[in-house]
Protein backbone atom coordinates (compact mmCIF):
# COMPACT_ATOMS: atom_id res chain seq x y z
CA UNK A 1 57.20 -58.93 27.94
CA UNK A 2 55.17 -58.19 31.04
CA UNK A 3 52.03 -60.25 31.57
CA UNK A 4 49.65 -57.31 31.10
CA UNK A 5 51.44 -56.26 27.91
CA UNK A 6 51.22 -59.80 26.58
CA UNK A 7 47.47 -59.84 27.24
CA UNK A 8 47.10 -56.50 25.48
CA UNK A 9 49.04 -57.78 22.46
CA UNK A 10 46.77 -60.84 22.25
CA UNK A 11 43.67 -58.65 22.48
CA UNK A 12 44.95 -56.27 19.80
CA UNK A 13 45.70 -59.16 17.45
CA UNK A 14 42.24 -60.63 18.08
CA UNK A 15 40.57 -57.39 17.03
CA UNK A 16 42.65 -57.30 13.84
CA UNK A 17 45.33 -54.78 14.77
CA UNK A 18 48.74 -55.04 13.15
CA UNK A 19 51.58 -54.43 15.55
CA UNK A 20 54.88 -52.92 14.54
CA UNK A 21 57.61 -53.06 17.15
CA UNK A 22 60.22 -50.35 16.74
CA UNK A 23 63.62 -50.12 18.38
CA UNK A 24 63.70 -48.25 21.68
CA UNK A 25 65.51 -45.39 19.99
CA UNK A 26 66.57 -44.94 16.42
CA UNK A 27 67.89 -41.58 15.20
CA UNK A 28 67.24 -42.71 11.62
CA UNK A 29 63.49 -42.81 12.36
CA UNK A 30 63.40 -39.49 14.18
CA UNK A 31 63.00 -36.47 11.86
CA UNK A 32 64.25 -33.99 14.43
CA UNK A 33 67.61 -35.79 14.62
CA UNK A 34 68.11 -35.18 10.89
CA UNK A 35 67.25 -31.49 11.29
CA UNK A 36 69.53 -31.12 14.32
CA UNK A 37 72.39 -32.74 12.40
CA UNK A 38 72.03 -30.21 9.58
CA UNK A 39 71.64 -27.34 12.04
CA UNK A 40 74.77 -28.44 13.89
CA UNK A 41 76.71 -28.72 10.61
CA UNK A 42 75.90 -25.15 9.60
CA UNK A 43 76.48 -23.77 13.11
CA UNK A 44 79.96 -25.29 13.23
CA UNK A 45 80.76 -23.57 9.93
CA UNK A 46 79.70 -20.15 11.27
CA UNK A 47 82.11 -20.30 14.23
CA UNK A 48 79.67 -18.22 16.32
CA UNK A 49 80.96 -17.94 19.88
CA UNK A 50 78.75 -15.40 21.67
CA UNK A 51 75.13 -15.92 22.67
CA UNK A 52 73.88 -13.27 20.23
CA UNK A 53 76.00 -14.64 17.39
CA UNK A 54 74.71 -18.17 18.01
CA UNK A 55 71.08 -16.96 18.03
CA UNK A 56 71.68 -15.07 14.78
CA UNK A 57 73.35 -18.13 13.24
CA UNK A 58 70.43 -20.37 14.27
CA UNK A 59 67.92 -17.94 12.77
CA UNK A 60 69.92 -17.79 9.54
CA UNK A 61 70.31 -21.57 9.42
CA UNK A 62 66.59 -22.19 9.93
CA UNK A 63 65.97 -20.20 6.75
CA UNK A 64 67.70 -23.08 4.94
CA UNK A 65 64.75 -25.37 5.73
CA UNK A 66 61.99 -24.60 3.21
CA UNK A 67 58.68 -26.50 3.50
CA UNK A 68 59.57 -29.03 0.79
CA UNK A 69 62.81 -29.93 2.57
CA UNK A 70 60.96 -30.36 5.86
CA UNK A 71 58.56 -32.73 4.09
CA UNK A 72 61.54 -34.65 2.71
CA UNK A 73 62.92 -35.13 6.23
CA UNK A 74 59.64 -36.73 7.30
CA UNK A 75 59.47 -38.91 4.18
CA UNK A 76 63.06 -40.03 4.81
CA UNK A 77 61.93 -41.08 8.31
CA UNK A 78 59.19 -43.30 6.93
CA UNK A 79 56.17 -41.01 6.96
CA UNK A 80 53.92 -40.97 3.88
CA UNK A 81 54.53 -38.04 1.50
CA UNK A 82 50.80 -37.14 1.35
CA UNK A 83 50.66 -36.84 5.15
CA UNK A 84 53.68 -34.55 5.16
CA UNK A 85 52.41 -32.18 2.49
CA UNK A 86 48.96 -32.04 4.10
CA UNK A 87 50.47 -31.20 7.50
CA UNK A 88 52.68 -28.48 6.02
CA UNK A 89 49.77 -26.82 4.24
């Protein structure tokens, strides 16, 4: 840890902050990775090969993501359910 980062960590702990160190990258904690995986799954099943067909397939696939399922993706990534439903209206 760099010296300035170490000083910042000490200061944050002194003021009562709780630090949570996450991995540099974790697809399991990134909601968009879950959505892209589902999108990719459905796009492979459509076998769209032209630009227009791919755009149509993406539009059709996005209809498979109702608000409650979007909230579930965020909850699965560790976000609180109340925050998700509030953000989705």
